[in-house]
Protein backbone atom coordinates (compact mmCIF):
# COMPACT_ATOMS: atom_id res chain seq x y z
CA MET A 1 0.00 0.00 0.00
CA ASN A 2 1.33 3.43 -0.92
CA THR A 3 1.64 5.42 2.32
CA ASN A 4 2.82 8.66 0.67
CA ILE A 5 -0.52 9.54 -0.88
CA LYS A 6 -2.82 12.22 0.49
CA ARG A 7 -6.51 11.70 1.05
CA GLY A 8 -9.41 14.13 1.10
CA ALA A 9 -12.35 14.44 3.48
CA TRP A 10 -14.04 11.33 2.04
CA ASP A 11 -10.87 9.17 1.92
CA GLU A 12 -10.42 9.79 -1.82
CA ILE A 13 -6.86 10.13 -3.10
CA VAL A 14 -5.85 13.69 -3.91
CA ALA A 15 -4.65 13.71 -7.51
CA THR A 16 -1.69 16.00 -6.80
CA SER A 17 -0.18 13.34 -4.52
CA VAL A 18 0.20 10.92 -7.46
CA ASP A 19 3.02 11.35 -9.98
CA ARG A 20 1.87 12.54 -13.39
CA GLU A 21 2.80 9.39 -15.33
CA THR A 22 0.85 7.17 -12.94
CA TRP A 23 -2.12 9.52 -12.94
CA LEU A 24 -2.26 9.48 -16.73
CA GLN A 25 -2.28 5.67 -16.64
CA ILE A 26 -5.10 5.75 -14.09
CA GLU A 27 -7.16 8.19 -16.18
CA SER A 28 -6.61 6.04 -19.27
CA LEU A 29 -7.79 2.93 -17.40
CA VAL A 30 -10.94 4.68 -16.14
CA LYS A 31 -11.71 5.86 -19.65
CA LEU A 32 -11.16 2.37 -21.09
CA ALA A 33 -13.36 0.74 -18.44
CA GLY A 34 -16.15 3.20 -19.11
CA SER A 35 -16.19 2.92 -22.87
CA SER A 36 -18.01 -0.41 -23.29
CA ALA A 37 -21.58 0.49 -24.24
CA ASP A 38 -22.67 -3.17 -24.49
CA GLU A 39 -21.62 -4.50 -21.10
CA HIS A 40 -21.19 -1.37 -19.09
CA GLY A 41 -23.73 1.18 -20.15
CA SER A 42 -20.67 3.43 -20.48
CA TRP A 43 -19.53 6.24 -18.21
CA HIS A 44 -20.03 9.78 -19.47
CA PHE A 45 -18.55 11.99 -16.78
CA GLY A 46 -19.69 15.57 -16.54
CA CYS A 47 -22.79 17.52 -15.57
CA ALA A 48 -25.86 19.13 -17.13
CA PHE A 49 -28.27 21.40 -15.21
CA ASP A 50 -31.01 23.79 -16.29
CA ARG A 51 -31.81 27.24 -14.90
CA LYS A 52 -33.80 25.68 -12.06
CA GLN A 53 -30.77 23.57 -11.06
CA ARG A 54 -32.43 20.38 -12.24
CA GLY A 55 -30.13 17.87 -13.80
CA GLU A 56 -27.45 15.29 -13.19
CA ALA A 57 -23.72 15.02 -12.66
CA LEU A 58 -21.55 11.91 -12.88
CA ASN A 59 -17.95 11.88 -11.68
CA TRP A 60 -15.35 9.61 -10.17
CA ASP A 61 -12.73 9.62 -7.45
CA LEU A 62 -9.69 7.41 -6.94
CA TYR A 63 -9.48 5.39 -3.73
CA ALA A 64 -6.52 3.09 -4.36
CA PHE A 65 -3.99 2.11 -7.01
CA GLY A 66 -1.31 -0.54 -7.27
CA ASN A 67 -0.33 -3.70 -9.11
CA ASP A 68 -1.79 -7.18 -9.06
CA LEU A 69 0.24 -9.55 -6.88
CA HIS A 70 0.32 -12.24 -9.57
CA ASP A 71 0.49 -10.60 -12.98
CA GLY A 72 1.75 -7.12 -12.06
CA ARG A 73 -0.89 -5.24 -14.07
CA LEU A 74 -2.23 -1.91 -12.82
CA LEU A 75 -5.31 -2.08 -10.61
CA ILE A 76 -7.33 0.80 -9.20
CA VAL A 77 -10.30 1.22 -6.89
CA ILE A 78 -12.65 4.03 -7.85
CA GLN A 79 -15.92 5.48 -6.70
CA VAL A 80 -18.37 6.45 -9.44
CA ARG A 81 -20.85 8.95 -8.05
CA GLN A 82 -24.16 10.24 -9.43
CA TYR A 83 -25.65 13.53 -8.22
CA ARG A 84 -29.20 14.08 -9.43
CA LYS A 85 -31.80 16.76 -8.78
CA ALA A 86 -35.23 16.29 -10.33
CA HIS A 87 -36.94 19.42 -8.93
CA LYS A 88 -35.64 22.76 -7.78
CA ASN A 89 -37.35 22.41 -4.37
CA TRP A 90 -36.31 18.81 -3.80
CA TYR A 91 -33.21 17.58 -2.07
CA PRO A 92 -30.72 16.04 -4.49
CA SER A 93 -30.03 12.31 -4.52
CA VAL A 94 -26.47 11.00 -4.41
CA ARG A 95 -25.69 7.39 -5.34
CA LYS A 96 -22.28 5.73 -5.32
CA ASN A 97 -20.69 2.61 -6.77
CA TYR A 98 -17.23 1.26 -6.02
CA PHE A 99 -15.24 -0.75 -8.55
CA LEU A 100 -11.99 -2.65 -8.73
CA VAL A 101 -10.76 -1.77 -12.22
CA GLY A 102 -8.01 -3.40 -14.26
CA THR A 103 -7.16 -4.97 -17.59
CA ASN A 104 -7.43 -8.51 -18.92
CA GLU A 105 -4.81 -10.42 -20.88
CA ASP A 106 -6.21 -9.15 -24.19
CA GLY A 107 -5.97 -5.51 -23.08
CA SER A 108 -9.69 -5.05 -22.44
CA ALA A 109 -10.71 -3.40 -19.19
CA PHE A 110 -12.92 -4.77 -16.43
CA ALA A 111 -14.81 -3.03 -13.64
CA HIS A 112 -15.74 -5.38 -10.81
CA SER A 113 -18.25 -4.00 -8.30
CA VAL A 114 -17.08 -4.15 -4.67
CA PRO A 115 -18.73 -2.99 -1.43
CA ALA A 116 -17.93 0.38 0.08
CA THR A 117 -17.42 -1.35 3.43
CA ALA A 118 -14.46 -3.37 2.14
CA VAL A 119 -12.81 -0.28 0.66
CA ARG A 120 -13.34 2.08 3.58
CA ALA A 121 -12.49 -0.52 6.25
CA ALA A 122 -9.15 -1.23 4.57
CA ILE A 123 -8.33 2.47 4.35
CA ASN A 124 -9.26 3.07 7.99
CA ALA A 125 -7.13 0.12 9.08
CA GLU A 126 -4.26 1.26 6.82
CA ARG A 127 -4.42 -1.96 4.82
CA ASP A 128 -4.20 -2.31 1.06
CA PRO A 129 -7.70 -1.61 -0.35
CA ILE A 130 -6.90 -3.47 -3.57
CA LEU A 131 -5.96 -6.67 -1.75
CA ALA A 132 -8.97 -6.20 0.55
CA CYS A 133 -11.25 -6.05 -2.50
CA GLN A 134 -9.65 -9.16 -4.02
CA ASN A 135 -9.99 -11.02 -0.71
CA TRP A 136 -13.67 -10.04 -0.59
CA ILE A 137 -14.35 -11.05 -4.20
CA PHE A 138 -12.89 -14.54 -3.78
CA GLY A 139 -13.69 -15.06 -0.11
CA GLY A 140 -10.18 -15.78 1.12
CA ASP A 141 -6.51 -14.88 0.93
CA TYR A 142 -5.97 -13.76 -2.66
CA ARG A 143 -2.22 -14.18 -2.23
CA ARG A 144 -2.70 -17.98 -2.20
CA MET A 145 -4.99 -18.07 -5.24
CA ILE A 146 -4.61 -18.48 -8.98
CA ARG A 147 -7.01 -16.06 -10.64
CA HIS A 148 -8.72 -16.71 -13.96
CA GLY A 149 -11.09 -13.86 -14.72
CA ASP A 150 -14.06 -14.06 -12.36
CA LEU A 151 -12.87 -17.44 -11.04
CA ALA A 152 -9.98 -18.48 -8.85
CA LEU A 153 -8.28 -21.71 -7.79
CA ILE A 154 -7.16 -22.21 -4.20
CA PRO A 155 -4.51 -24.94 -3.73
CA LEU A 156 -5.30 -27.59 -1.12
CA ALA A 157 -2.85 -29.60 0.97
CA ARG A 158 -5.01 -32.74 1.04
CA THR A 159 -7.91 -34.43 -0.72
CA PRO A 160 -11.21 -32.78 0.27
CA ALA A 161 -13.84 -34.89 2.02
CA ALA A 162 -16.66 -33.81 -0.31
CA PRO A 163 -18.44 -36.48 -2.39
CA VAL A 164 -17.19 -37.26 -5.90
CA ILE A 165 -19.59 -36.31 -8.68
CA ARG A 166 -19.97 -38.15 -11.98
CA GLU A 167 -19.09 -35.19 -14.20
CA THR A 168 -15.50 -34.23 -14.99
CA ASN A 169 -16.51 -31.25 -17.12
CA LEU A 170 -18.64 -28.29 -15.95
CA VAL A 171 -19.52 -24.83 -17.22
CA LEU A 172 -19.29 -22.24 -14.44
CA ALA A 173 -20.74 -18.73 -14.32
CA ASP A 174 -21.80 -19.12 -17.97
CA SER A 175 -18.26 -18.20 -18.96
CA HIS A 176 -15.71 -20.81 -17.85
CA GLU A 177 -15.34 -24.48 -18.67
CA LEU A 178 -13.82 -26.58 -15.90
CA THR A 179 -12.23 -29.91 -16.80
CA ALA A 180 -10.58 -32.10 -14.16
CA ARG A 181 -9.56 -35.69 -13.46
CA THR A 182 -12.01 -35.76 -10.55
CA ILE A 183 -14.54 -33.22 -9.26
CA ARG A 184 -15.92 -33.24 -5.72
CA ARG A 185 -18.78 -31.09 -4.52
CA ASN A 186 -20.64 -30.23 -1.31
CA GLY A 187 -21.22 -26.58 -0.45
CA ASN A 188 -17.96 -25.95 -2.30
CA LEU A 189 -16.48 -27.18 -5.58
CA TYR A 190 -13.17 -29.04 -5.72
CA ALA A 191 -11.16 -30.23 -8.71
CA LEU A 192 -8.14 -32.50 -9.16
CA ASP A 193 -5.67 -31.26 -11.80
CA PRO A 194 -8.12 -28.59 -13.01
CA VAL A 195 -8.07 -26.91 -16.41
CA LEU A 196 -10.03 -23.67 -16.79
CA THR A 197 -11.00 -22.41 -20.24
CA HIS A 198 -12.62 -19.02 -20.70
CA LEU A 199 -15.36 -19.54 -23.27
CA PRO A 200 -15.34 -15.96 -24.67
CA GLY A 201 -11.56 -16.34 -25.02
CA THR A 202 -10.51 -13.26 -23.06
CA HIS A 203 -8.22 -15.29 -20.80
CA SER A 204 -5.79 -17.98 -21.92
CA PRO A 205 -6.55 -21.51 -20.68
CA MET A 206 -5.06 -22.28 -17.27
CA GLN A 207 -4.19 -25.56 -15.63
CA ALA A 208 -2.96 -26.57 -12.20
CA THR A 209 -1.71 -29.75 -10.54
CA GLY A 210 -3.28 -31.29 -7.45
CA TRP A 211 -6.47 -30.58 -5.59
CA HIS A 212 -7.91 -27.07 -5.72
CA ARG A 213 -11.06 -25.37 -4.50
CA VAL A 214 -12.77 -23.55 -7.34
CA VAL A 215 -14.21 -20.17 -6.37
CA ILE A 216 -16.58 -17.98 -8.37
CA GLY A 217 -16.01 -14.34 -7.52
CA GLU A 218 -18.68 -12.32 -5.75
CA ARG A 219 -19.98 -8.98 -7.03
CA ALA A 220 -21.38 -6.26 -4.83
CA LYS A 221 -24.80 -4.78 -5.49
CA PHE A 222 -24.63 -1.65 -7.60
CA TRP A 223 -26.69 1.20 -8.96
CA ASN A 224 -27.31 0.65 -12.65
CA PHE A 225 -26.15 4.12 -13.68
CA ALA A 226 -22.65 2.63 -13.64
CA ALA A 227 -22.73 -1.15 -13.93
CA PRO A 228 -19.79 -3.58 -13.80
CA THR A 229 -18.26 -5.38 -16.73
CA LYS A 230 -17.39 -9.06 -16.93
CA ASP A 231 -13.70 -9.89 -16.48
């Protein structure tokens, strides 16, 4: 976690505390993540108000930046905030989404919705918000995991006690094909010598040796003015 950064009244990172080259990379990543009209609904930052102060503003703030522990690619945590006033005599409404944003192997960007509680708790405890978000998404210690898009493999030291199922090939989250020598399942899913194939082809196939728990990443609830993408 970068301890030299300055934060504002709402824990957002003050842009002037980030070196210019890094800030330009962050801005480029935000723009890339918000440009997918099909999956994302796109982000069009700015504001528009009439003479009666009715209108809407959409903007973003940076809450964390760093590099993925495994592949080294840039990751950021941002808040996308909507301010909306429908009537001059009404109080405005403010809605916020938080995203972990990064890039996939093919250079496309993803925005994975995460809860404000995970972000703010990490900041308050002076822990890395990026790692805290990854731990929340996959429900464990991300440092021990092998990530494959929205899925992750957690190595196991011994054979799990869950019952063996007949299938050795499953489609998970409508996006990943899991093939393994043996698959066990109870409340969790376990695979021996797993191979994960991303059906849309964004991620290269991945294989591992031994028993692993297969985890499908969680997504936080979000306001649909700024929806997540699939990574």
